[in-house]
């Protein structure tokens, strides 16, 4: 038996509404709304960065199907699709999951935040740095992937990932 609460849901087939070889969708044990569903990899992975691309793709496809089913079955007005990725984002269970939360008008659930102001210079700098990191040159991407395979515990990238894990 696993120590991970989410892994136990999948193992025990508790509250499962969908399952295939890669992902499982379960009704949340502590829902914020009737029909709140967690879509998660069967493989134990803590944060999004650890989820293999094919599993992440499948999880989001299933989250979309779950959202559609919630509209049809519960006659809701909307859904929030939320990933709490790391402790600073509110993640409390160390297993990646996509929350699909049914919404109705005036349901009292508040998921809003106030926009912050940043200078044009700050925004431009963030844009450039993110473009370089996300897109990079093909050769840089290959080197980055090779580097990830040989990352040691002392390397900053791994340490930064570890800091986000609940």
N, C-alpha and C. Protein backbone atom coordinates (compact mmCIF):
# COMPACT_ATOMS: atom_id res chain seq x y z
N UNK A 1 0.86 -1.19 0.00
CA UNK A 1 0.00 0.00 0.00
C UNK A 1 0.89 1.24 0.00
N UNK A 2 0.57 2.16 -0.81
CA UNK A 2 1.35 3.39 -0.96
C UNK A 2 1.04 4.37 0.17
N UNK A 3 2.04 5.22 0.48
CA UNK A 3 1.83 6.29 1.45
C UNK A 3 1.14 7.48 0.81
N UNK A 4 1.07 7.53 -0.49
CA UNK A 4 0.47 8.66 -1.20
C UNK A 4 -1.05 8.51 -1.24
N UNK A 5 -1.73 9.53 -0.76
CA UNK A 5 -3.20 9.53 -0.72
C UNK A 5 -3.79 9.32 -2.12
N UNK A 6 -3.25 10.01 -3.11
CA UNK A 6 -3.77 9.91 -4.47
C UNK A 6 -3.49 8.52 -5.07
N UNK A 7 -2.32 7.96 -4.80
CA UNK A 7 -2.02 6.61 -5.29
C UNK A 7 -2.98 5.59 -4.67
N UNK A 8 -3.32 5.78 -3.40
CA UNK A 8 -4.27 4.87 -2.74
C UNK A 8 -5.63 4.92 -3.41
N UNK A 9 -6.10 6.14 -3.80
CA UNK A 9 -7.38 6.24 -4.50
C UNK A 9 -7.37 5.33 -5.73
N UNK A 10 -6.31 5.43 -6.51
CA UNK A 10 -6.22 4.66 -7.74
C UNK A 10 -6.11 3.16 -7.45
N UNK A 11 -5.30 2.78 -6.47
CA UNK A 11 -5.12 1.37 -6.12
C UNK A 11 -6.41 0.74 -5.61
N UNK A 12 -7.15 1.47 -4.79
CA UNK A 12 -8.36 0.94 -4.16
C UNK A 12 -9.60 1.11 -5.04
N UNK A 13 -9.42 1.78 -6.19
CA UNK A 13 -10.54 2.04 -7.10
C UNK A 13 -11.66 2.81 -6.39
N UNK A 14 -11.27 3.65 -5.45
CA UNK A 14 -12.22 4.41 -4.65
C UNK A 14 -12.66 5.67 -5.39
N UNK A 15 -13.95 5.83 -5.58
CA UNK A 15 -14.55 7.01 -6.21
C UNK A 15 -14.06 7.24 -7.64
N UNK A 16 -13.61 6.19 -8.31
CA UNK A 16 -13.08 6.30 -9.68
C UNK A 16 -14.23 6.49 -10.67
N UNK A 17 -14.11 7.52 -11.50
CA UNK A 17 -15.09 7.76 -12.56
C UNK A 17 -14.51 7.47 -13.95
N UNK A 18 -13.19 7.35 -14.04
CA UNK A 18 -12.53 7.01 -15.30
C UNK A 18 -11.16 6.42 -14.98
N UNK A 19 -10.76 5.45 -15.80
CA UNK A 19 -9.43 4.87 -15.63
C UNK A 19 -8.98 4.26 -16.95
N UNK A 20 -7.71 4.47 -17.28
CA UNK A 20 -7.08 3.75 -18.38
C UNK A 20 -5.67 3.38 -17.93
N UNK A 21 -4.82 3.02 -18.85
CA UNK A 21 -3.47 2.57 -18.46
C UNK A 21 -2.58 3.69 -17.93
N UNK A 22 -2.90 4.94 -18.24
CA UNK A 22 -2.04 6.06 -17.85
C UNK A 22 -2.59 6.94 -16.74
N UNK A 23 -3.90 7.18 -16.75
CA UNK A 23 -4.48 8.14 -15.80
C UNK A 23 -5.72 7.57 -15.14
N UNK A 24 -6.08 8.22 -14.04
CA UNK A 24 -7.30 7.89 -13.33
C UNK A 24 -7.98 9.20 -12.95
N UNK A 25 -9.31 9.20 -12.98
CA UNK A 25 -10.09 10.36 -12.55
C UNK A 25 -10.97 9.91 -11.40
N UNK A 26 -10.87 10.62 -10.28
CA UNK A 26 -11.61 10.25 -9.08
C UNK A 26 -12.36 11.46 -8.53
N UNK A 27 -13.50 11.20 -7.91
CA UNK A 27 -14.20 12.25 -7.19
C UNK A 27 -13.34 12.64 -6.00
N UNK A 28 -13.16 13.93 -5.79
CA UNK A 28 -12.34 14.42 -4.68
C UNK A 28 -12.98 14.05 -3.35
N UNK A 29 -12.15 13.58 -2.40
CA UNK A 29 -12.65 13.25 -1.06
C UNK A 29 -13.00 14.51 -0.28
N UNK A 30 -12.34 15.62 -0.60
CA UNK A 30 -12.61 16.91 0.05
C UNK A 30 -12.98 17.91 -1.04
N UNK A 31 -14.17 17.73 -1.61
CA UNK A 31 -14.56 18.57 -2.76
C UNK A 31 -14.91 19.99 -2.35
N UNK A 32 -14.66 20.92 -3.26
CA UNK A 32 -15.09 22.31 -3.06
C UNK A 32 -16.45 22.53 -3.72
N UNK A 33 -16.90 21.55 -4.51
CA UNK A 33 -18.21 21.59 -5.15
C UNK A 33 -18.60 20.15 -5.46
N UNK A 34 -19.91 19.88 -5.52
CA UNK A 34 -20.38 18.55 -5.89
C UNK A 34 -19.87 18.21 -7.29
N UNK A 35 -19.21 17.07 -7.41
CA UNK A 35 -18.66 16.66 -8.70
C UNK A 35 -17.20 17.05 -8.92
N UNK A 36 -16.55 17.67 -7.92
CA UNK A 36 -15.12 18.03 -8.02
C UNK A 36 -14.34 16.75 -8.29
N UNK A 37 -13.58 16.74 -9.39
CA UNK A 37 -12.86 15.55 -9.83
C UNK A 37 -11.37 15.85 -9.96
N UNK A 38 -10.57 14.88 -9.55
CA UNK A 38 -9.11 14.94 -9.72
C UNK A 38 -8.72 13.99 -10.84
N UNK A 39 -8.00 14.50 -11.82
CA UNK A 39 -7.45 13.68 -12.90
C UNK A 39 -5.96 13.61 -12.66
N UNK A 40 -5.43 12.39 -12.53
CA UNK A 40 -4.02 12.27 -12.18
C UNK A 40 -3.37 11.05 -12.83
N UNK A 41 -2.06 11.12 -12.99
CA UNK A 41 -1.33 9.97 -13.52
C UNK A 41 -1.41 8.81 -12.53
N UNK A 42 -1.46 7.60 -13.07
CA UNK A 42 -1.39 6.42 -12.19
C UNK A 42 0.02 6.30 -11.60
N UNK A 43 1.00 6.64 -12.41
CA UNK A 43 2.39 6.63 -11.95
C UNK A 43 2.55 7.74 -10.92
N UNK A 44 3.24 7.46 -9.83
CA UNK A 44 3.44 8.49 -8.81
C UNK A 44 4.45 9.52 -9.31
N UNK A 45 3.96 10.73 -9.53
CA UNK A 45 4.79 11.87 -9.89
C UNK A 45 4.31 13.04 -9.05
N UNK A 46 5.24 13.82 -8.55
CA UNK A 46 4.89 14.85 -7.58
C UNK A 46 4.43 16.15 -8.22
N UNK A 47 5.17 16.64 -9.21
CA UNK A 47 4.86 17.92 -9.84
C UNK A 47 4.82 17.76 -11.36
N UNK A 48 4.23 18.73 -12.02
CA UNK A 48 4.03 18.67 -13.47
C UNK A 48 5.32 18.39 -14.23
N UNK A 49 6.42 18.97 -13.80
CA UNK A 49 7.69 18.79 -14.51
C UNK A 49 8.14 17.33 -14.55
N UNK A 50 7.62 16.50 -13.67
CA UNK A 50 7.99 15.09 -13.63
C UNK A 50 7.07 14.21 -14.49
N UNK A 51 5.97 14.76 -14.97
CA UNK A 51 5.00 13.99 -15.73
C UNK A 51 5.50 13.82 -17.16
N UNK A 52 5.63 12.58 -17.64
CA UNK A 52 6.02 12.38 -19.04
C UNK A 52 5.01 13.06 -19.97
N UNK A 53 5.49 13.57 -21.10
CA UNK A 53 4.64 14.33 -22.02
C UNK A 53 3.38 13.56 -22.44
N UNK A 54 3.53 12.27 -22.76
CA UNK A 54 2.36 11.50 -23.21
C UNK A 54 1.33 11.35 -22.10
N UNK A 55 1.76 11.29 -20.85
CA UNK A 55 0.85 11.17 -19.72
C UNK A 55 0.17 12.52 -19.46
N UNK A 56 0.94 13.61 -19.54
CA UNK A 56 0.36 14.94 -19.37
C UNK A 56 -0.69 15.19 -20.45
N UNK A 57 -0.38 14.84 -21.68
CA UNK A 57 -1.34 15.01 -22.77
C UNK A 57 -2.62 14.23 -22.48
N UNK A 58 -2.47 12.99 -22.07
CA UNK A 58 -3.64 12.15 -21.78
C UNK A 58 -4.45 12.73 -20.61
N UNK A 59 -3.77 13.19 -19.57
CA UNK A 59 -4.45 13.74 -18.40
C UNK A 59 -5.29 14.96 -18.78
N UNK A 60 -4.76 15.83 -19.62
CA UNK A 60 -5.53 17.01 -20.02
C UNK A 60 -6.67 16.66 -20.98
N UNK A 61 -6.48 15.65 -21.80
CA UNK A 61 -7.59 15.18 -22.65
C UNK A 61 -8.72 14.65 -21.77
N UNK A 62 -8.37 13.87 -20.75
CA UNK A 62 -9.39 13.33 -19.84
C UNK A 62 -10.02 14.45 -19.02
N UNK A 63 -9.25 15.43 -18.59
CA UNK A 63 -9.82 16.57 -17.86
C UNK A 63 -10.88 17.27 -18.72
N UNK A 64 -10.62 17.38 -20.01
CA UNK A 64 -11.59 17.98 -20.93
C UNK A 64 -12.85 17.13 -21.01
N UNK A 65 -12.70 15.80 -21.11
CA UNK A 65 -13.86 14.91 -21.16
C UNK A 65 -14.65 14.97 -19.84
N UNK A 66 -13.94 15.03 -18.72
CA UNK A 66 -14.58 15.13 -17.41
C UNK A 66 -15.39 16.43 -17.33
N UNK A 67 -14.80 17.52 -17.80
CA UNK A 67 -15.49 18.80 -17.79
C UNK A 67 -16.79 18.72 -18.59
N UNK A 68 -16.72 18.12 -19.76
CA UNK A 68 -17.90 17.96 -20.60
C UNK A 68 -18.96 17.12 -19.90
N UNK A 69 -18.54 16.04 -19.27
CA UNK A 69 -19.48 15.17 -18.55
C UNK A 69 -20.14 15.92 -17.40
N UNK A 70 -19.38 16.75 -16.70
CA UNK A 70 -19.95 17.52 -15.60
C UNK A 70 -21.04 18.47 -16.09
N UNK A 71 -20.79 19.13 -17.23
CA UNK A 71 -21.81 20.00 -17.83
C UNK A 71 -23.09 19.20 -18.12
N UNK A 72 -22.93 18.03 -18.72
CA UNK A 72 -24.07 17.23 -19.14
C UNK A 72 -24.82 16.60 -17.97
N UNK A 73 -24.09 16.07 -17.00
CA UNK A 73 -24.70 15.31 -15.90
C UNK A 73 -25.23 16.22 -14.80
N UNK A 74 -24.42 17.19 -14.37
CA UNK A 74 -24.81 18.03 -13.24
C UNK A 74 -25.47 19.35 -13.66
N UNK A 75 -25.55 19.59 -14.96
CA UNK A 75 -26.18 20.81 -15.47
C UNK A 75 -25.56 22.07 -14.86
N UNK A 76 -24.24 22.10 -14.85
CA UNK A 76 -23.51 23.24 -14.28
C UNK A 76 -23.36 24.34 -15.32
N UNK A 77 -22.84 25.49 -14.88
CA UNK A 77 -22.66 26.64 -15.78
C UNK A 77 -21.22 26.83 -16.23
N UNK A 78 -20.29 26.13 -15.59
CA UNK A 78 -18.88 26.29 -15.94
C UNK A 78 -18.01 25.33 -15.16
N UNK A 79 -16.73 25.31 -15.50
CA UNK A 79 -15.75 24.54 -14.73
C UNK A 79 -14.48 25.36 -14.60
N UNK A 80 -13.78 25.14 -13.52
CA UNK A 80 -12.41 25.62 -13.38
C UNK A 80 -11.51 24.41 -13.50
N UNK A 81 -10.49 24.55 -14.31
CA UNK A 81 -9.47 23.50 -14.47
C UNK A 81 -8.22 24.06 -13.81
N UNK A 82 -7.82 23.46 -12.70
CA UNK A 82 -6.75 24.04 -11.89
C UNK A 82 -5.67 23.00 -11.60
N UNK A 83 -4.42 23.43 -11.75
CA UNK A 83 -3.28 22.63 -11.34
C UNK A 83 -2.54 23.43 -10.27
N UNK A 84 -2.45 22.86 -9.09
CA UNK A 84 -1.63 23.46 -8.03
C UNK A 84 -0.28 22.78 -8.13
N UNK A 85 0.69 23.47 -8.70
CA UNK A 85 1.99 22.88 -9.02
C UNK A 85 3.05 23.44 -8.09
N UNK A 86 3.28 22.76 -6.98
CA UNK A 86 4.26 23.21 -6.00
C UNK A 86 3.59 23.84 -4.79
N UNK A 87 4.31 23.87 -3.70
CA UNK A 87 3.74 24.37 -2.45
C UNK A 87 3.31 25.83 -2.54
N UNK A 88 4.07 26.66 -3.24
CA UNK A 88 3.71 28.08 -3.36
C UNK A 88 2.40 28.25 -4.11
N UNK A 89 2.01 27.25 -4.90
CA UNK A 89 0.76 27.30 -5.66
C UNK A 89 -0.39 26.63 -4.91
N UNK A 90 -0.14 26.23 -3.67
CA UNK A 90 -1.19 25.63 -2.85
C UNK A 90 -1.24 24.12 -2.87
N UNK A 91 -0.28 23.46 -3.54
CA UNK A 91 -0.29 22.00 -3.59
C UNK A 91 0.05 21.45 -2.22
N UNK A 92 -0.81 20.58 -1.70
CA UNK A 92 -0.59 19.99 -0.37
C UNK A 92 -0.34 18.50 -0.42
N UNK A 93 -0.79 17.84 -1.48
CA UNK A 93 -0.56 16.41 -1.65
C UNK A 93 0.55 16.21 -2.66
N UNK A 94 1.56 15.42 -2.31
CA UNK A 94 2.71 15.26 -3.22
C UNK A 94 2.43 14.29 -4.37
N UNK A 95 1.41 14.59 -5.16
CA UNK A 95 1.08 13.82 -6.36
C UNK A 95 0.40 14.79 -7.32
N UNK A 96 0.93 14.92 -8.53
CA UNK A 96 0.36 15.82 -9.52
C UNK A 96 -1.09 15.45 -9.80
N UNK A 97 -1.95 16.46 -9.85
CA UNK A 97 -3.36 16.24 -10.19
C UNK A 97 -3.93 17.48 -10.85
N UNK A 98 -4.89 17.25 -11.73
CA UNK A 98 -5.66 18.33 -12.35
C UNK A 98 -7.01 18.35 -11.65
N UNK A 99 -7.35 19.47 -11.05
CA UNK A 99 -8.66 19.64 -10.42
C UNK A 99 -9.64 20.12 -11.47
N UNK A 100 -10.76 19.42 -11.61
CA UNK A 100 -11.85 19.86 -12.48
C UNK A 100 -13.01 20.18 -11.53
N UNK A 101 -13.29 21.47 -11.40
CA UNK A 101 -14.24 21.94 -10.40
C UNK A 101 -15.49 22.47 -11.09
N UNK A 102 -16.64 21.83 -10.83
CA UNK A 102 -17.90 22.30 -11.39
C UNK A 102 -18.29 23.65 -10.79
N UNK A 103 -18.85 24.52 -11.61
CA UNK A 103 -19.25 25.85 -11.13
C UNK A 103 -20.69 26.15 -11.53
N UNK A 104 -21.37 26.84 -10.65
CA UNK A 104 -22.70 27.36 -10.94
C UNK A 104 -22.70 28.84 -10.58
N UNK A 105 -23.66 29.56 -11.15
CA UNK A 105 -23.78 30.98 -10.84
C UNK A 105 -23.97 31.15 -9.33
N UNK A 106 -23.27 32.12 -8.77
CA UNK A 106 -23.41 32.46 -7.35
C UNK A 106 -23.15 31.28 -6.41
N UNK A 107 -22.18 30.40 -6.75
CA UNK A 107 -21.89 29.26 -5.89
C UNK A 107 -21.04 29.63 -4.68
N UNK A 108 -20.57 30.86 -4.63
CA UNK A 108 -19.81 31.34 -3.47
C UNK A 108 -18.34 30.97 -3.48
N UNK A 109 -17.91 30.20 -4.46
CA UNK A 109 -16.50 29.81 -4.55
C UNK A 109 -15.72 30.96 -5.19
N UNK A 110 -14.73 31.47 -4.48
CA UNK A 110 -13.95 32.61 -4.97
C UNK A 110 -12.57 32.15 -5.44
N UNK A 111 -12.31 32.30 -6.70
CA UNK A 111 -11.02 31.96 -7.29
C UNK A 111 -10.50 33.17 -8.06
N UNK A 112 -10.47 34.30 -7.42
CA UNK A 112 -10.05 35.51 -8.11
C UNK A 112 -8.81 36.09 -7.46
N UNK A 113 -8.10 36.91 -8.22
CA UNK A 113 -6.93 37.59 -7.70
C UNK A 113 -6.84 38.95 -8.37
N UNK A 114 -6.16 39.83 -7.70
CA UNK A 114 -5.97 41.19 -8.24
C UNK A 114 -4.71 41.22 -9.09
N UNK A 115 -4.82 41.82 -10.25
CA UNK A 115 -3.66 41.96 -11.13
C UNK A 115 -2.65 42.91 -10.49
N UNK A 116 -1.38 42.62 -10.72
CA UNK A 116 -0.30 43.48 -10.23
C UNK A 116 0.26 44.29 -11.38
N UNK A 117 0.87 45.41 -11.04
CA UNK A 117 1.47 46.27 -12.06
C UNK A 117 2.98 46.02 -12.11
N UNK A 118 3.49 45.88 -13.34
CA UNK A 118 4.91 45.75 -13.57
C UNK A 118 5.31 46.73 -14.66
N UNK A 119 6.54 47.19 -14.63
CA UNK A 119 7.00 48.13 -15.64
C UNK A 119 7.14 47.42 -16.99
N UNK A 120 7.11 48.20 -18.05
CA UNK A 120 7.31 47.64 -19.39
C UNK A 120 8.67 46.94 -19.47
N UNK A 121 9.67 47.50 -18.79
CA UNK A 121 11.01 46.91 -18.78
C UNK A 121 10.98 45.53 -18.11
N UNK A 122 10.31 45.42 -16.99
CA UNK A 122 10.22 44.14 -16.30
C UNK A 122 9.51 43.10 -17.16
N UNK A 123 8.43 43.51 -17.80
CA UNK A 123 7.68 42.59 -18.65
C UNK A 123 8.51 42.16 -19.85
N UNK A 124 9.21 43.09 -20.49
CA UNK A 124 10.06 42.76 -21.64
C UNK A 124 11.19 41.82 -21.25
N UNK A 125 11.80 42.06 -20.10
CA UNK A 125 12.88 41.19 -19.62
C UNK A 125 12.35 39.78 -19.36
N UNK A 126 11.21 39.68 -18.71
CA UNK A 126 10.61 38.37 -18.45
C UNK A 126 10.28 37.67 -19.76
N UNK A 127 9.74 38.41 -20.73
CA UNK A 127 9.40 37.84 -22.03
C UNK A 127 10.63 37.25 -22.71
N UNK A 128 11.72 38.02 -22.77
CA UNK A 128 12.95 37.56 -23.41
C UNK A 128 13.51 36.33 -22.72
N UNK A 129 13.58 36.36 -21.41
CA UNK A 129 14.15 35.24 -20.66
C UNK A 129 13.30 33.98 -20.82
N UNK A 130 11.99 34.15 -20.78
CA UNK A 130 11.10 32.99 -20.93
C UNK A 130 11.15 32.43 -22.34
N UNK A 131 11.18 33.30 -23.35
CA UNK A 131 11.29 32.81 -24.73
C UNK A 131 12.56 31.98 -24.90
N UNK A 132 13.66 32.50 -24.37
CA UNK A 132 14.93 31.79 -24.50
C UNK A 132 14.86 30.44 -23.79
N UNK A 133 14.29 30.41 -22.60
CA UNK A 133 14.22 29.16 -21.83
C UNK A 133 13.25 28.17 -22.45
N UNK A 134 12.11 28.65 -22.91
CA UNK A 134 11.08 27.76 -23.42
C UNK A 134 11.37 27.31 -24.85
N UNK A 135 11.74 28.25 -25.72
CA UNK A 135 11.95 27.91 -27.11
C UNK A 135 13.37 27.43 -27.34
N UNK A 136 14.34 28.25 -26.95
CA UNK A 136 15.74 27.90 -27.12
C UNK A 136 16.07 27.46 -28.53
N UNK A 137 17.33 27.38 -28.81
CA UNK A 137 17.79 26.84 -30.10
C UNK A 137 17.72 25.32 -30.01
N UNK A 138 17.47 24.64 -31.14
CA UNK A 138 17.40 23.17 -31.13
C UNK A 138 18.62 22.53 -30.47
N UNK A 139 19.81 23.05 -30.74
CA UNK A 139 21.02 22.48 -30.13
C UNK A 139 21.00 22.69 -28.62
N UNK A 140 20.53 23.88 -28.19
CA UNK A 140 20.43 24.15 -26.76
C UNK A 140 19.44 23.20 -26.09
N UNK A 141 18.33 22.89 -26.78
CA UNK A 141 17.34 21.97 -26.23
C UNK A 141 17.94 20.59 -26.06
N UNK A 142 18.71 20.14 -27.07
CA UNK A 142 19.33 18.82 -27.00
C UNK A 142 20.31 18.77 -25.82
N UNK A 143 21.12 19.81 -25.68
CA UNK A 143 22.08 19.86 -24.57
C UNK A 143 21.35 19.92 -23.23
N UNK A 144 20.25 20.66 -23.18
CA UNK A 144 19.47 20.77 -21.95
C UNK A 144 18.89 19.41 -21.56
N UNK A 145 18.37 18.65 -22.55
CA UNK A 145 17.83 17.32 -22.28
C UNK A 145 18.92 16.38 -21.81
N UNK A 146 20.11 16.46 -22.42
CA UNK A 146 21.23 15.63 -21.99
C UNK A 146 21.65 15.99 -20.58
N UNK A 147 21.65 17.29 -20.27
CA UNK A 147 22.02 17.76 -18.94
C UNK A 147 21.04 17.24 -17.90
N UNK A 148 19.74 17.24 -18.22
CA UNK A 148 18.73 16.74 -17.28
C UNK A 148 18.98 15.28 -16.94
N UNK A 149 19.45 14.50 -17.93
CA UNK A 149 19.70 13.09 -17.69
C UNK A 149 20.87 12.87 -16.74
N UNK A 150 21.78 13.84 -16.67
CA UNK A 150 22.96 13.67 -15.83
C UNK A 150 22.99 14.62 -14.64
N UNK A 151 21.83 15.21 -14.31
CA UNK A 151 21.76 16.18 -13.22
C UNK A 151 22.10 15.52 -11.89
N UNK A 152 22.92 16.21 -11.11
CA UNK A 152 23.26 15.75 -9.78
C UNK A 152 22.43 16.52 -8.76
N UNK A 153 22.34 16.00 -7.54
CA UNK A 153 21.53 16.62 -6.50
C UNK A 153 21.93 18.06 -6.25
N UNK A 154 23.19 18.40 -6.40
CA UNK A 154 23.65 19.75 -6.12
C UNK A 154 23.34 20.76 -7.19
N UNK A 155 22.90 20.30 -8.37
CA UNK A 155 22.60 21.23 -9.46
C UNK A 155 21.38 22.07 -9.13
N UNK A 156 21.41 23.33 -9.54
CA UNK A 156 20.34 24.26 -9.22
C UNK A 156 18.98 23.82 -9.74
N UNK A 157 18.90 23.27 -10.96
CA UNK A 157 17.62 22.90 -11.55
C UNK A 157 16.91 21.87 -10.68
N UNK A 158 17.61 20.83 -10.25
CA UNK A 158 16.99 19.81 -9.41
C UNK A 158 16.62 20.37 -8.05
N UNK A 159 17.48 21.18 -7.48
CA UNK A 159 17.19 21.79 -6.18
C UNK A 159 15.95 22.66 -6.28
N UNK A 160 15.82 23.41 -7.36
CA UNK A 160 14.64 24.25 -7.55
C UNK A 160 13.37 23.40 -7.65
N UNK A 161 13.42 22.26 -8.34
CA UNK A 161 12.27 21.36 -8.41
C UNK A 161 11.92 20.85 -7.03
N UNK A 162 12.92 20.45 -6.28
CA UNK A 162 12.69 19.89 -4.95
C UNK A 162 12.05 20.89 -4.00
N UNK A 163 12.36 22.16 -4.16
CA UNK A 163 11.80 23.20 -3.30
C UNK A 163 10.29 23.33 -3.50
N UNK A 164 9.78 22.91 -4.66
CA UNK A 164 8.35 23.04 -4.96
C UNK A 164 7.52 21.86 -4.47
N UNK A 165 8.16 20.76 -4.16
CA UNK A 165 7.44 19.54 -3.80
C UNK A 165 6.87 19.65 -2.39
N UNK A 166 5.58 19.35 -2.26
CA UNK A 166 4.95 19.41 -0.92
C UNK A 166 5.41 18.27 -0.03
